[in-house]
N, C-alpha and C. Protein backbone atom coordinates (compact mmCIF):
# COMPACT_ATOMS: atom_id res chain seq x y z
N UNK A 1 -3.01 -105.43 113.16
CA UNK A 1 -2.66 -106.72 113.71
C UNK A 1 -3.93 -107.37 114.28
N UNK A 2 -4.14 -108.62 113.94
CA UNK A 2 -5.30 -109.38 114.40
C UNK A 2 -5.13 -109.76 115.86
N UNK A 3 -6.15 -109.50 116.65
CA UNK A 3 -6.09 -109.83 118.07
C UNK A 3 -6.35 -111.32 118.28
N UNK A 4 -5.49 -111.96 119.04
CA UNK A 4 -5.62 -113.39 119.33
C UNK A 4 -6.01 -113.54 120.80
N UNK A 5 -7.29 -113.78 121.07
CA UNK A 5 -7.71 -113.91 122.46
C UNK A 5 -7.14 -115.19 123.10
N UNK A 6 -6.75 -115.08 124.35
CA UNK A 6 -6.20 -116.26 125.03
C UNK A 6 -7.31 -117.13 125.61
N UNK A 7 -8.48 -116.53 125.85
CA UNK A 7 -9.60 -117.27 126.44
C UNK A 7 -10.62 -117.59 125.36
N UNK A 8 -11.02 -118.86 125.24
CA UNK A 8 -11.94 -119.25 124.17
C UNK A 8 -13.29 -118.52 124.23
N UNK A 9 -13.76 -118.12 123.10
CA UNK A 9 -15.08 -117.50 123.01
C UNK A 9 -16.19 -118.54 123.06
N UNK A 10 -15.93 -119.69 122.49
CA UNK A 10 -16.92 -120.77 122.46
C UNK A 10 -17.00 -121.44 123.83
N UNK A 11 -18.20 -121.54 124.37
CA UNK A 11 -18.39 -122.17 125.68
C UNK A 11 -17.87 -123.61 125.70
N UNK A 12 -18.06 -124.32 124.62
CA UNK A 12 -17.64 -125.71 124.56
C UNK A 12 -16.14 -125.92 124.65
N UNK A 13 -15.36 -124.88 124.37
CA UNK A 13 -13.90 -124.98 124.42
C UNK A 13 -13.34 -124.57 125.77
N UNK A 14 -14.16 -123.97 126.61
CA UNK A 14 -13.66 -123.43 127.87
C UNK A 14 -13.31 -124.49 128.90
N UNK A 15 -14.04 -125.59 128.94
CA UNK A 15 -13.72 -126.65 129.91
C UNK A 15 -12.31 -127.17 129.67
N UNK A 16 -11.96 -127.39 128.41
CA UNK A 16 -10.62 -127.86 128.07
C UNK A 16 -9.57 -126.81 128.45
N UNK A 17 -9.90 -125.54 128.23
CA UNK A 17 -8.96 -124.46 128.57
C UNK A 17 -8.67 -124.47 130.06
N UNK A 18 -9.72 -124.58 130.88
CA UNK A 18 -9.55 -124.58 132.34
C UNK A 18 -8.75 -125.79 132.81
N UNK A 19 -9.01 -126.92 132.22
CA UNK A 19 -8.26 -128.13 132.58
C UNK A 19 -6.79 -127.96 132.22
N UNK A 20 -6.52 -127.42 131.05
CA UNK A 20 -5.15 -127.19 130.61
C UNK A 20 -4.45 -126.18 131.52
N UNK A 21 -5.15 -125.11 131.88
CA UNK A 21 -4.60 -124.10 132.77
C UNK A 21 -4.21 -124.71 134.11
N UNK A 22 -5.11 -125.49 134.70
CA UNK A 22 -4.85 -126.11 136.00
C UNK A 22 -3.70 -127.11 135.92
N UNK A 23 -3.54 -127.75 134.79
CA UNK A 23 -2.46 -128.72 134.62
C UNK A 23 -1.10 -128.03 134.50
N UNK A 24 -1.06 -126.90 133.78
CA UNK A 24 0.21 -126.24 133.50
C UNK A 24 0.64 -125.20 134.53
N UNK A 25 -0.29 -124.63 135.28
CA UNK A 25 0.07 -123.57 136.23
C UNK A 25 1.15 -123.97 137.22
N UNK A 26 1.08 -125.15 137.83
CA UNK A 26 2.13 -125.52 138.79
C UNK A 26 3.55 -125.50 138.18
N UNK A 27 3.67 -125.79 136.92
CA UNK A 27 4.97 -125.77 136.26
C UNK A 27 5.53 -124.37 136.06
N UNK A 28 4.67 -123.36 136.10
CA UNK A 28 5.10 -121.98 135.91
C UNK A 28 5.10 -121.18 137.20
N UNK A 29 4.68 -121.78 138.30
CA UNK A 29 4.53 -121.06 139.57
C UNK A 29 5.82 -120.40 140.02
N UNK A 30 6.93 -121.09 139.91
CA UNK A 30 8.21 -120.52 140.33
C UNK A 30 8.60 -119.35 139.44
N UNK A 31 8.49 -119.52 138.13
CA UNK A 31 8.83 -118.45 137.19
C UNK A 31 7.96 -117.22 137.39
N UNK A 32 6.72 -117.42 137.81
CA UNK A 32 5.79 -116.32 138.01
C UNK A 32 5.82 -115.79 139.45
N UNK A 33 6.68 -116.36 140.27
CA UNK A 33 6.81 -115.97 141.68
C UNK A 33 5.49 -116.09 142.44
N UNK A 34 4.74 -117.14 142.15
CA UNK A 34 3.49 -117.37 142.85
C UNK A 34 3.75 -118.03 144.19
N UNK A 35 3.01 -117.61 145.20
CA UNK A 35 3.07 -118.29 146.48
C UNK A 35 2.30 -119.60 146.34
N UNK A 36 2.47 -120.48 147.33
CA UNK A 36 1.73 -121.74 147.29
C UNK A 36 0.23 -121.48 147.34
N UNK A 37 -0.19 -120.49 148.12
CA UNK A 37 -1.62 -120.16 148.22
C UNK A 37 -2.16 -119.65 146.88
N UNK A 38 -1.39 -118.83 146.18
CA UNK A 38 -1.83 -118.33 144.87
C UNK A 38 -1.94 -119.46 143.86
N UNK A 39 -0.96 -120.35 143.91
CA UNK A 39 -1.00 -121.50 143.01
C UNK A 39 -2.22 -122.38 143.31
N UNK A 40 -2.44 -122.64 144.59
CA UNK A 40 -3.59 -123.47 144.98
C UNK A 40 -4.91 -122.82 144.57
N UNK A 41 -5.03 -121.51 144.74
CA UNK A 41 -6.25 -120.81 144.36
C UNK A 41 -6.44 -120.79 142.84
N UNK A 42 -5.36 -120.76 142.10
CA UNK A 42 -5.45 -120.77 140.65
C UNK A 42 -5.79 -122.12 140.07
N UNK A 43 -5.43 -123.18 140.77
CA UNK A 43 -5.62 -124.54 140.27
C UNK A 43 -6.89 -125.18 140.82
N UNK A 44 -7.21 -124.97 142.06
CA UNK A 44 -8.28 -125.71 142.72
C UNK A 44 -9.62 -125.68 142.00
N UNK A 45 -10.14 -124.53 141.62
CA UNK A 45 -11.47 -124.56 141.02
C UNK A 45 -11.52 -125.01 139.56
N UNK A 46 -10.42 -124.91 138.86
CA UNK A 46 -10.47 -125.12 137.41
C UNK A 46 -11.01 -126.47 136.97
N UNK A 47 -10.35 -127.57 137.23
CA UNK A 47 -10.87 -128.82 136.68
C UNK A 47 -12.09 -129.36 137.42
N UNK A 48 -12.20 -129.04 138.70
CA UNK A 48 -13.26 -129.66 139.49
C UNK A 48 -14.65 -129.18 139.13
N UNK A 49 -14.93 -127.91 139.23
CA UNK A 49 -16.30 -127.49 138.97
C UNK A 49 -16.47 -126.57 137.78
N UNK A 50 -15.47 -125.76 137.45
CA UNK A 50 -15.65 -124.83 136.32
C UNK A 50 -15.83 -125.59 135.02
N UNK A 51 -14.99 -126.59 134.79
CA UNK A 51 -15.11 -127.38 133.57
C UNK A 51 -16.45 -128.08 133.47
N UNK A 52 -16.96 -128.56 134.58
CA UNK A 52 -18.26 -129.24 134.58
C UNK A 52 -19.39 -128.25 134.30
N UNK A 53 -19.33 -127.09 134.90
CA UNK A 53 -20.38 -126.10 134.69
C UNK A 53 -20.39 -125.60 133.25
N UNK A 54 -19.21 -125.34 132.71
CA UNK A 54 -19.12 -124.83 131.36
C UNK A 54 -19.59 -125.86 130.34
N UNK A 55 -19.28 -127.11 130.55
CA UNK A 55 -19.65 -128.14 129.58
C UNK A 55 -21.08 -128.65 129.80
N UNK A 56 -21.71 -128.21 130.86
CA UNK A 56 -23.09 -128.63 131.14
C UNK A 56 -24.05 -128.03 130.12
N UNK A 57 -25.01 -128.80 129.62
CA UNK A 57 -25.93 -128.28 128.60
C UNK A 57 -26.91 -127.25 129.15
N UNK A 58 -27.13 -127.19 130.45
CA UNK A 58 -28.10 -126.24 131.02
C UNK A 58 -27.42 -125.03 131.56
């Protein structure tokens, strides 16, 4: 069976992945039994700085 990684190998695709993750996590927080603090910690860094760092050319 071919392994399908959930996290992009290409650096250029990771910013979009993090933005998508941060957008969708709040919708799954209840199903995953996440506390508000866990949800906030999972969402806060994703679109703000991780996406910028990953998409940065340097």
